[in-house]
Amino acid sequence: PKAAAPKAKAEPKAEAATEAKAAAPKK
């Protein structure tokens, strides 16, 4: 868990980006 702790901060951004892409309606 100690080694994996710094990476956990970057995960929400990546998840938010993927959710935003999925939620964006196709033109």
mmCIF file of all heavy atoms, coordinates in Angstrom:
data_MODEL
# 
_entry.id   MODEL 
# 
loop_
_atom_site.group_PDB 
_atom_site.id 
_atom_site.type_symbol 
_atom_site.label_atom_id 
_atom_site.label_alt_id 
_atom_site.label_comp_id 
_atom_site.label_asym_id 
_atom_site.label_entity_id 
_atom_site.label_seq_id 
_atom_site.pdbx_PDB_ins_code 
_atom_site.Cartn_x 
_atom_site.Cartn_y 
_atom_site.Cartn_z 
_atom_site.occupancy 
_atom_site.B_iso_or_equiv 
_atom_site.pdbx_formal_charge 
_atom_site.auth_seq_id 
_atom_site.auth_comp_id 
_atom_site.auth_asym_id 
_atom_site.auth_atom_id 
_atom_site.pdbx_PDB_model_num 
ATOM 1   N N   . PRO A 1 1  ? 0.805   -1.235 0.000   1.00 0.00 ? 1  PRO A N   1 
ATOM 2   C CA  . PRO A 1 1  ? 0.000   0.000  0.000   1.00 0.00 ? 1  PRO A CA  1 
ATOM 3   C C   . PRO A 1 1  ? 0.830   1.274  0.000   1.00 0.00 ? 1  PRO A C   1 
ATOM 4   O O   . PRO A 1 1  ? 0.450   2.270  -0.603  1.00 0.00 ? 1  PRO A O   1 
ATOM 5   C CB  . PRO A 1 1  ? -0.838  -0.116 1.274   1.00 0.00 ? 1  PRO A CB  1 
ATOM 6   C CG  . PRO A 1 1  ? -0.882  -1.587 1.567   1.00 0.00 ? 1  PRO A CG  1 
ATOM 7   C CD  . PRO A 1 1  ? 0.436   -2.113 1.108   1.00 0.00 ? 1  PRO A CD  1 
ATOM 8   N N   . LYS A 1 2  ? 2.022   1.290  0.671   1.00 0.00 ? 2  LYS A N   1 
ATOM 9   C CA  . LYS A 1 2  ? 2.851   2.483  0.714   1.00 0.00 ? 2  LYS A CA  1 
ATOM 10  C C   . LYS A 1 2  ? 3.339   2.843  -0.673  1.00 0.00 ? 2  LYS A C   1 
ATOM 11  O O   . LYS A 1 2  ? 3.377   3.999  -1.062  1.00 0.00 ? 2  LYS A O   1 
ATOM 12  C CB  . LYS A 1 2  ? 4.036   2.262  1.661   1.00 0.00 ? 2  LYS A CB  1 
ATOM 13  C CG  . LYS A 1 2  ? 3.626   2.122  3.113   1.00 0.00 ? 2  LYS A CG  1 
ATOM 14  C CD  . LYS A 1 2  ? 4.845   1.906  3.992   1.00 0.00 ? 2  LYS A CD  1 
ATOM 15  C CE  . LYS A 1 2  ? 4.440   1.738  5.459   1.00 0.00 ? 2  LYS A CE  1 
ATOM 16  N NZ  . LYS A 1 2  ? 5.616   1.488  6.319   1.00 0.00 ? 2  LYS A NZ  1 
ATOM 17  N N   . ALA A 1 3  ? 3.775   1.839  -1.426  1.00 0.00 ? 3  ALA A N   1 
ATOM 18  C CA  . ALA A 1 3  ? 4.286   2.116  -2.763  1.00 0.00 ? 3  ALA A CA  1 
ATOM 19  C C   . ALA A 1 3  ? 3.184   2.549  -3.707  1.00 0.00 ? 3  ALA A C   1 
ATOM 20  O O   . ALA A 1 3  ? 3.398   3.328  -4.616  1.00 0.00 ? 3  ALA A O   1 
ATOM 21  C CB  . ALA A 1 3  ? 4.993   0.877  -3.309  1.00 0.00 ? 3  ALA A CB  1 
ATOM 22  N N   . ALA A 1 4  ? 1.983   2.047  -3.494  1.00 0.00 ? 4  ALA A N   1 
ATOM 23  C CA  . ALA A 1 4  ? 0.875   2.349  -4.404  1.00 0.00 ? 4  ALA A CA  1 
ATOM 24  C C   . ALA A 1 4  ? 0.161   3.644  -4.049  1.00 0.00 ? 4  ALA A C   1 
ATOM 25  O O   . ALA A 1 4  ? -0.694  4.097  -4.792  1.00 0.00 ? 4  ALA A O   1 
ATOM 26  C CB  . ALA A 1 4  ? -0.129  1.206  -4.400  1.00 0.00 ? 4  ALA A CB  1 
ATOM 27  N N   . ALA A 1 5  ? 0.492   4.262  -2.911  1.00 0.00 ? 5  ALA A N   1 
ATOM 28  C CA  . ALA A 1 5  ? -0.228  5.447  -2.460  1.00 0.00 ? 5  ALA A CA  1 
ATOM 29  C C   . ALA A 1 5  ? -0.092  6.631  -3.407  1.00 0.00 ? 5  ALA A C   1 
ATOM 30  O O   . ALA A 1 5  ? -1.075  7.293  -3.717  1.00 0.00 ? 5  ALA A O   1 
ATOM 31  C CB  . ALA A 1 5  ? 0.245   5.837  -1.047  1.00 0.00 ? 5  ALA A CB  1 
ATOM 32  N N   . PRO A 1 6  ? 1.126   6.989  -3.932  1.00 0.00 ? 6  PRO A N   1 
ATOM 33  C CA  . PRO A 1 6  ? 1.225   8.143  -4.821  1.00 0.00 ? 6  PRO A CA  1 
ATOM 34  C C   . PRO A 1 6  ? 0.395   7.991  -6.085  1.00 0.00 ? 6  PRO A C   1 
ATOM 35  O O   . PRO A 1 6  ? -0.123  8.941  -6.617  1.00 0.00 ? 6  PRO A O   1 
ATOM 36  C CB  . PRO A 1 6  ? 2.726   8.202  -5.144  1.00 0.00 ? 6  PRO A CB  1 
ATOM 37  C CG  . PRO A 1 6  ? 3.385   7.460  -4.033  1.00 0.00 ? 6  PRO A CG  1 
ATOM 38  C CD  . PRO A 1 6  ? 2.418   6.402  -3.639  1.00 0.00 ? 6  PRO A CD  1 
ATOM 39  N N   . LYS A 1 7  ? 0.283   6.779  -6.635  1.00 0.00 ? 7  LYS A N   1 
ATOM 40  C CA  . LYS A 1 7  ? -0.460  6.563  -7.866  1.00 0.00 ? 7  LYS A CA  1 
ATOM 41  C C   . LYS A 1 7  ? -1.957  6.774  -7.671  1.00 0.00 ? 7  LYS A C   1 
ATOM 42  O O   . LYS A 1 7  ? -2.659  7.075  -8.606  1.00 0.00 ? 7  LYS A O   1 
ATOM 43  C CB  . LYS A 1 7  ? -0.212  5.146  -8.393  1.00 0.00 ? 7  LYS A CB  1 
ATOM 44  C CG  . LYS A 1 7  ? 1.221   4.945  -8.858  1.00 0.00 ? 7  LYS A CG  1 
ATOM 45  C CD  . LYS A 1 7  ? 1.401   3.548  -9.420  1.00 0.00 ? 7  LYS A CD  1 
ATOM 46  C CE  . LYS A 1 7  ? 2.825   3.326  -9.885  1.00 0.00 ? 7  LYS A CE  1 
ATOM 47  N NZ  . LYS A 1 7  ? 3.020   1.971  -10.420 1.00 0.00 ? 7  LYS A NZ  1 
ATOM 48  N N   . ALA A 1 8  ? -2.443  6.581  -6.439  1.00 0.00 ? 8  ALA A N   1 
ATOM 49  C CA  . ALA A 1 8  ? -3.877  6.686  -6.186  1.00 0.00 ? 8  ALA A CA  1 
ATOM 50  C C   . ALA A 1 8  ? -4.390  8.099  -6.432  1.00 0.00 ? 8  ALA A C   1 
ATOM 51  O O   . ALA A 1 8  ? -5.549  8.290  -6.759  1.00 0.00 ? 8  ALA A O   1 
ATOM 52  C CB  . ALA A 1 8  ? -4.187  6.257  -4.755  1.00 0.00 ? 8  ALA A CB  1 
ATOM 53  N N   . LYS A 1 9  ? -3.515  9.132  -6.313  1.00 0.00 ? 9  LYS A N   1 
ATOM 54  C CA  . LYS A 1 9  ? -3.956  10.500 -6.519  1.00 0.00 ? 9  LYS A CA  1 
ATOM 55  C C   . LYS A 1 9  ? -4.268  10.774 -7.986  1.00 0.00 ? 9  LYS A C   1 
ATOM 56  O O   . LYS A 1 9  ? -5.133  11.555 -8.311  1.00 0.00 ? 9  LYS A O   1 
ATOM 57  C CB  . LYS A 1 9  ? -2.878  11.462 -6.023  1.00 0.00 ? 9  LYS A CB  1 
ATOM 58  C CG  . LYS A 1 9  ? -2.659  11.393 -4.524  1.00 0.00 ? 9  LYS A CG  1 
ATOM 59  C CD  . LYS A 1 9  ? -1.591  12.367 -4.089  1.00 0.00 ? 9  LYS A CD  1 
ATOM 60  C CE  . LYS A 1 9  ? -1.360  12.307 -2.581  1.00 0.00 ? 9  LYS A CE  1 
ATOM 61  N NZ  . LYS A 1 9  ? -0.299  13.244 -2.156  1.00 0.00 ? 9  LYS A NZ  1 
ATOM 62  N N   . ALA A 1 10 ? -3.524  10.134 -8.870  1.00 0.00 ? 10 ALA A N   1 
ATOM 63  C CA  . ALA A 1 10 ? -3.713  10.399 -10.296 1.00 0.00 ? 10 ALA A CA  1 
ATOM 64  C C   . ALA A 1 10 ? -4.896  9.640  -10.874 1.00 0.00 ? 10 ALA A C   1 
ATOM 65  O O   . ALA A 1 10 ? -5.363  9.958  -11.956 1.00 0.00 ? 10 ALA A O   1 
ATOM 66  C CB  . ALA A 1 10 ? -2.441  10.027 -11.063 1.00 0.00 ? 10 ALA A CB  1 
ATOM 67  N N   . GLU A 1 11 ? -5.372  8.607  -10.182 1.00 0.00 ? 11 GLU A N   1 
ATOM 68  C CA  . GLU A 1 11 ? -6.454  7.788  -10.714 1.00 0.00 ? 11 GLU A CA  1 
ATOM 69  C C   . GLU A 1 11 ? -7.765  8.558  -10.881 1.00 0.00 ? 11 GLU A C   1 
ATOM 70  O O   . GLU A 1 11 ? -8.444  8.397  -11.886 1.00 0.00 ? 11 GLU A O   1 
ATOM 71  C CB  . GLU A 1 11 ? -6.672  6.568  -9.828  1.00 0.00 ? 11 GLU A CB  1 
ATOM 72  C CG  . GLU A 1 11 ? -5.562  5.535  -9.992  1.00 0.00 ? 11 GLU A CG  1 
ATOM 73  C CD  . GLU A 1 11 ? -5.772  4.360  -9.082  1.00 0.00 ? 11 GLU A CD  1 
ATOM 74  O OE1 . GLU A 1 11 ? -6.762  4.387  -8.330  1.00 0.00 ? 11 GLU A OE1 1 
ATOM 75  O OE2 . GLU A 1 11 ? -4.958  3.428  -9.117  1.00 0.00 ? 11 GLU A OE2 1 
ATOM 76  N N   . PRO A 1 12 ? -8.196  9.413  -9.925  1.00 0.00 ? 12 PRO A N   1 
ATOM 77  C CA  . PRO A 1 12 ? -9.465  10.133 -10.108 1.00 0.00 ? 12 PRO A CA  1 
ATOM 78  C C   . PRO A 1 12 ? -9.508  10.965 -11.380 1.00 0.00 ? 12 PRO A C   1 
ATOM 79  O O   . PRO A 1 12 ? -10.516 11.053 -12.051 1.00 0.00 ? 12 PRO A O   1 
ATOM 80  C CB  . PRO A 1 12 ? -9.563  10.999 -8.849  1.00 0.00 ? 12 PRO A CB  1 
ATOM 81  C CG  . PRO A 1 12 ? -8.759  10.271 -7.832  1.00 0.00 ? 12 PRO A CG  1 
ATOM 82  C CD  . PRO A 1 12 ? -7.631  9.645  -8.588  1.00 0.00 ? 12 PRO A CD  1 
ATOM 83  N N   . LYS A 1 13 ? -8.356  11.617 -11.765 1.00 0.00 ? 13 LYS A N   1 
ATOM 84  C CA  . LYS A 1 13 ? -8.335  12.429 -12.969 1.00 0.00 ? 13 LYS A CA  1 
ATOM 85  C C   . LYS A 1 13 ? -8.586  11.567 -14.198 1.00 0.00 ? 13 LYS A C   1 
ATOM 86  O O   . LYS A 1 13 ? -9.337  11.940 -15.095 1.00 0.00 ? 13 LYS A O   1 
ATOM 87  C CB  . LYS A 1 13 ? -6.995  13.141 -13.092 1.00 0.00 ? 13 LYS A CB  1 
ATOM 88  C CG  . LYS A 1 13 ? -6.780  14.208 -12.017 1.00 0.00 ? 13 LYS A CG  1 
ATOM 89  C CD  . LYS A 1 13 ? -5.472  14.917 -12.228 1.00 0.00 ? 13 LYS A CD  1 
ATOM 90  C CE  . LYS A 1 13 ? -5.261  15.998 -11.169 1.00 0.00 ? 13 LYS A CE  1 
ATOM 91  N NZ  . LYS A 1 13 ? -3.964  16.694 -11.357 1.00 0.00 ? 13 LYS A NZ  1 
ATOM 92  N N   . ALA A 1 14 ? -7.885  10.422 -14.233 1.00 0.00 ? 14 ALA A N   1 
ATOM 93  C CA  . ALA A 1 14 ? -8.061  9.536  -15.387 1.00 0.00 ? 14 ALA A CA  1 
ATOM 94  C C   . ALA A 1 14 ? -9.489  9.025  -15.459 1.00 0.00 ? 14 ALA A C   1 
ATOM 95  O O   . ALA A 1 14 ? -10.087 8.968  -16.540 1.00 0.00 ? 14 ALA A O   1 
ATOM 96  C CB  . ALA A 1 14 ? -7.079  8.365  -15.289 1.00 0.00 ? 14 ALA A CB  1 
ATOM 97  N N   . GLU A 1 15 ? -10.048 8.672  -14.301 1.00 0.00 ? 15 GLU A N   1 
ATOM 98  C CA  . GLU A 1 15 ? -11.427 8.179  -14.283 1.00 0.00 ? 15 GLU A CA  1 
ATOM 99  C C   . GLU A 1 15 ? -12.401 9.282  -14.707 1.00 0.00 ? 15 GLU A C   1 
ATOM 100 O O   . GLU A 1 15 ? -13.356 9.031  -15.456 1.00 0.00 ? 15 GLU A O   1 
ATOM 101 C CB  . GLU A 1 15 ? -11.780 7.687  -12.886 1.00 0.00 ? 15 GLU A CB  1 
ATOM 102 C CG  . GLU A 1 15 ? -11.060 6.395  -12.510 1.00 0.00 ? 15 GLU A CG  1 
ATOM 103 C CD  . GLU A 1 15 ? -11.410 5.965  -11.110 1.00 0.00 ? 15 GLU A CD  1 
ATOM 104 O OE1 . GLU A 1 15 ? -12.192 6.679  -10.454 1.00 0.00 ? 15 GLU A OE1 1 
ATOM 105 O OE2 . GLU A 1 15 ? -10.909 4.910  -10.666 1.00 0.00 ? 15 GLU A OE2 1 
ATOM 106 N N   . ALA A 1 16 ? -12.152 10.504 -14.252 1.00 0.00 ? 16 ALA A N   1 
ATOM 107 C CA  . ALA A 1 16 ? -13.035 11.611 -14.616 1.00 0.00 ? 16 ALA A CA  1 
ATOM 108 C C   . ALA A 1 16 ? -12.987 11.867 -16.115 1.00 0.00 ? 16 ALA A C   1 
ATOM 109 O O   . ALA A 1 16 ? -14.007 12.159 -16.743 1.00 0.00 ? 16 ALA A O   1 
ATOM 110 C CB  . ALA A 1 16 ? -12.629 12.880 -13.855 1.00 0.00 ? 16 ALA A CB  1 
ATOM 111 N N   . ALA A 1 17 ? -11.769 11.754 -16.703 1.00 0.00 ? 17 ALA A N   1 
ATOM 112 C CA  . ALA A 1 17 ? -11.632 11.995 -18.142 1.00 0.00 ? 17 ALA A CA  1 
ATOM 113 C C   . ALA A 1 17 ? -12.381 10.944 -18.937 1.00 0.00 ? 17 ALA A C   1 
ATOM 114 O O   . ALA A 1 17 ? -13.071 11.252 -19.909 1.00 0.00 ? 17 ALA A O   1 
ATOM 115 C CB  . ALA A 1 17 ? -10.154 12.003 -18.523 1.00 0.00 ? 17 ALA A CB  1 
ATOM 116 N N   . THR A 1 18 ? -12.241 9.671  -18.518 1.00 0.00 ? 18 THR A N   1 
ATOM 117 C CA  . THR A 1 18 ? -12.938 8.601  -19.239 1.00 0.00 ? 18 THR A CA  1 
ATOM 118 C C   . THR A 1 18 ? -14.449 8.736  -19.099 1.00 0.00 ? 18 THR A C   1 
ATOM 119 O O   . THR A 1 18 ? -15.189 8.503  -20.050 1.00 0.00 ? 18 THR A O   1 
ATOM 120 C CB  . THR A 1 18 ? -12.492 7.240  -18.695 1.00 0.00 ? 18 THR A CB  1 
ATOM 121 O OG1 . THR A 1 18 ? -12.670 7.206  -17.275 1.00 0.00 ? 18 THR A OG1 1 
ATOM 122 C CG2 . THR A 1 18 ? -11.044 6.970  -19.035 1.00 0.00 ? 18 THR A CG2 1 
ATOM 123 N N   . GLU A 1 19 ? -14.924 9.125  -17.896 1.00 0.00 ? 19 GLU A N   1 
ATOM 124 C CA  . GLU A 1 19 ? -16.359 9.318  -17.707 1.00 0.00 ? 19 GLU A CA  1 
ATOM 125 C C   . GLU A 1 19 ? -16.884 10.474 -18.559 1.00 0.00 ? 19 GLU A C   1 
ATOM 126 O O   . GLU A 1 19 ? -17.985 10.411 -19.114 1.00 0.00 ? 19 GLU A O   1 
ATOM 127 C CB  . GLU A 1 19 ? -16.653 9.586  -16.230 1.00 0.00 ? 19 GLU A CB  1 
ATOM 128 C CG  . GLU A 1 19 ? -16.493 8.344  -15.353 1.00 0.00 ? 19 GLU A CG  1 
ATOM 129 C CD  . GLU A 1 19 ? -16.746 8.665  -13.898 1.00 0.00 ? 19 GLU A CD  1 
ATOM 130 O OE1 . GLU A 1 19 ? -17.048 9.831  -13.595 1.00 0.00 ? 19 GLU A OE1 1 
ATOM 131 O OE2 . GLU A 1 19 ? -16.635 7.743  -13.067 1.00 0.00 ? 19 GLU A OE2 1 
ATOM 132 N N   . ALA A 1 20 ? -16.071 11.536 -18.669 1.00 0.00 ? 20 ALA A N   1 
ATOM 133 C CA  . ALA A 1 20 ? -16.496 12.689 -19.467 1.00 0.00 ? 20 ALA A CA  1 
ATOM 134 C C   . ALA A 1 20 ? -16.593 12.318 -20.941 1.00 0.00 ? 20 ALA A C   1 
ATOM 135 O O   . ALA A 1 20 ? -17.518 12.727 -21.640 1.00 0.00 ? 20 ALA A O   1 
ATOM 136 C CB  . ALA A 1 20 ? -15.511 13.851 -19.287 1.00 0.00 ? 20 ALA A CB  1 
ATOM 137 N N   . LYS A 1 21 ? -15.628 11.520 -21.415 1.00 0.00 ? 21 LYS A N   1 
ATOM 138 C CA  . LYS A 1 21 ? -15.674 11.077 -22.802 1.00 0.00 ? 21 LYS A CA  1 
ATOM 139 C C   . LYS A 1 21 ? -16.896 10.215 -23.064 1.00 0.00 ? 21 LYS A C   1 
ATOM 140 O O   . LYS A 1 21 ? -17.542 10.307 -24.094 1.00 0.00 ? 21 LYS A O   1 
ATOM 141 C CB  . LYS A 1 21 ? -14.405 10.294 -23.148 1.00 0.00 ? 21 LYS A CB  1 
ATOM 142 C CG  . LYS A 1 21 ? -13.175 11.182 -23.276 1.00 0.00 ? 21 LYS A CG  1 
ATOM 143 C CD  . LYS A 1 21 ? -11.961 10.352 -23.644 1.00 0.00 ? 21 LYS A CD  1 
ATOM 144 C CE  . LYS A 1 21 ? -10.709 11.227 -23.758 1.00 0.00 ? 21 LYS A CE  1 
ATOM 145 N NZ  . LYS A 1 21 ? -9.523  10.404 -24.106 1.00 0.00 ? 21 LYS A NZ  1 
ATOM 146 N N   . ALA A 1 22 ? -17.170 9.302  -22.105 1.00 0.00 ? 22 ALA A N   1 
ATOM 147 C CA  . ALA A 1 22 ? -18.312 8.415  -22.280 1.00 0.00 ? 22 ALA A CA  1 
ATOM 148 C C   . ALA A 1 22 ? -19.629 9.182  -22.234 1.00 0.00 ? 22 ALA A C   1 
ATOM 149 O O   . ALA A 1 22 ? -20.585 8.839  -22.934 1.00 0.00 ? 22 ALA A O   1 
ATOM 150 C CB  . ALA A 1 22 ? -18.301 7.334  -21.205 1.00 0.00 ? 22 ALA A CB  1 
ATOM 151 N N   . ALA A 1 23 ? -19.682 10.213 -21.376 1.00 0.00 ? 23 ALA A N   1 
ATOM 152 C CA  . ALA A 1 23 ? -20.928 10.960 -21.226 1.00 0.00 ? 23 ALA A CA  1 
ATOM 153 C C   . ALA A 1 23 ? -21.157 11.950 -22.358 1.00 0.00 ? 23 ALA A C   1 
ATOM 154 O O   . ALA A 1 23 ? -22.285 12.386 -22.587 1.00 0.00 ? 23 ALA A O   1 
ATOM 155 C CB  . ALA A 1 23 ? -20.936 11.709 -19.892 1.00 0.00 ? 23 ALA A CB  1 
ATOM 156 N N   . ALA A 1 24 ? -20.083 12.338 -23.068 1.00 0.00 ? 24 ALA A N   1 
ATOM 157 C CA  . ALA A 1 24 ? -20.240 13.328 -24.132 1.00 0.00 ? 24 ALA A CA  1 
ATOM 158 C C   . ALA A 1 24 ? -21.078 12.752 -25.258 1.00 0.00 ? 24 ALA A C   1 
ATOM 159 O O   . ALA A 1 24 ? -20.786 11.678 -25.770 1.00 0.00 ? 24 ALA A O   1 
ATOM 160 C CB  . ALA A 1 24 ? -18.866 13.733 -24.663 1.00 0.00 ? 24 ALA A CB  1 
ATOM 161 N N   . PRO A 1 25 ? -22.161 13.409 -25.649 1.00 0.00 ? 25 PRO A N   1 
ATOM 162 C CA  . PRO A 1 25 ? -23.013 12.878 -26.714 1.00 0.00 ? 25 PRO A CA  1 
ATOM 163 C C   . PRO A 1 25 ? -22.320 12.974 -28.060 1.00 0.00 ? 25 PRO A C   1 
ATOM 164 O O   . PRO A 1 25 ? -21.581 13.911 -28.338 1.00 0.00 ? 25 PRO A O   1 
ATOM 165 C CB  . PRO A 1 25 ? -24.257 13.773 -26.655 1.00 0.00 ? 25 PRO A CB  1 
ATOM 166 C CG  . PRO A 1 25 ? -23.769 15.050 -26.059 1.00 0.00 ? 25 PRO A CG  1 
ATOM 167 C CD  . PRO A 1 25 ? -22.649 14.694 -25.120 1.00 0.00 ? 25 PRO A CD  1 
ATOM 168 N N   . LYS A 1 26 ? -22.569 11.987 -28.911 1.00 0.00 ? 26 LYS A N   1 
ATOM 169 C CA  . LYS A 1 26 ? -22.008 11.978 -30.253 1.00 0.00 ? 26 LYS A CA  1 
ATOM 170 C C   . LYS A 1 26 ? -22.756 12.994 -31.119 1.00 0.00 ? 26 LYS A C   1 
ATOM 171 O O   . LYS A 1 26 ? -23.982 13.096 -31.064 1.00 0.00 ? 26 LYS A O   1 
ATOM 172 C CB  . LYS A 1 26 ? -22.117 10.584 -30.862 1.00 0.00 ? 26 LYS A CB  1 
ATOM 173 C CG  . LYS A 1 26 ? -21.253 9.557  -30.147 1.00 0.00 ? 26 LYS A CG  1 
ATOM 174 C CD  . LYS A 1 26 ? -21.366 8.227  -30.833 1.00 0.00 ? 26 LYS A CD  1 
ATOM 175 C CE  . LYS A 1 26 ? -20.509 7.191  -30.135 1.00 0.00 ? 26 LYS A CE  1 
ATOM 176 N NZ  . LYS A 1 26 ? -20.631 5.858  -30.783 1.00 0.00 ? 26 LYS A NZ  1 
ATOM 177 N N   . LYS A 1 27 ? -21.996 13.709 -31.920 1.00 0.00 ? 27 LYS A N   1 
ATOM 178 C CA  . LYS A 1 27 ? -22.596 14.698 -32.797 1.00 0.00 ? 27 LYS A CA  1 
ATOM 179 C C   . LYS A 1 27 ? -23.355 14.006 -33.919 1.00 0.00 ? 27 LYS A C   1 
ATOM 180 O O   . LYS A 1 27 ? -22.789 13.170 -34.626 1.00 0.00 ? 27 LYS A O   1 
ATOM 181 C CB  . LYS A 1 27 ? -21.523 15.607 -33.377 1.00 0.00 ? 27 LYS A CB  1 
ATOM 182 C CG  . LYS A 1 27 ? -20.843 16.483 -32.329 1.00 0.00 ? 27 LYS A CG  1 
ATOM 183 C CD  . LYS A 1 27 ? -19.827 17.393 -32.966 1.00 0.00 ? 27 LYS A CD  1 
ATOM 184 C CE  . LYS A 1 27 ? -19.155 18.287 -31.926 1.00 0.00 ? 27 LYS A CE  1 
ATOM 185 N NZ  . LYS A 1 27 ? -18.145 19.163 -32.549 1.00 0.00 ? 27 LYS A NZ  1 
# 
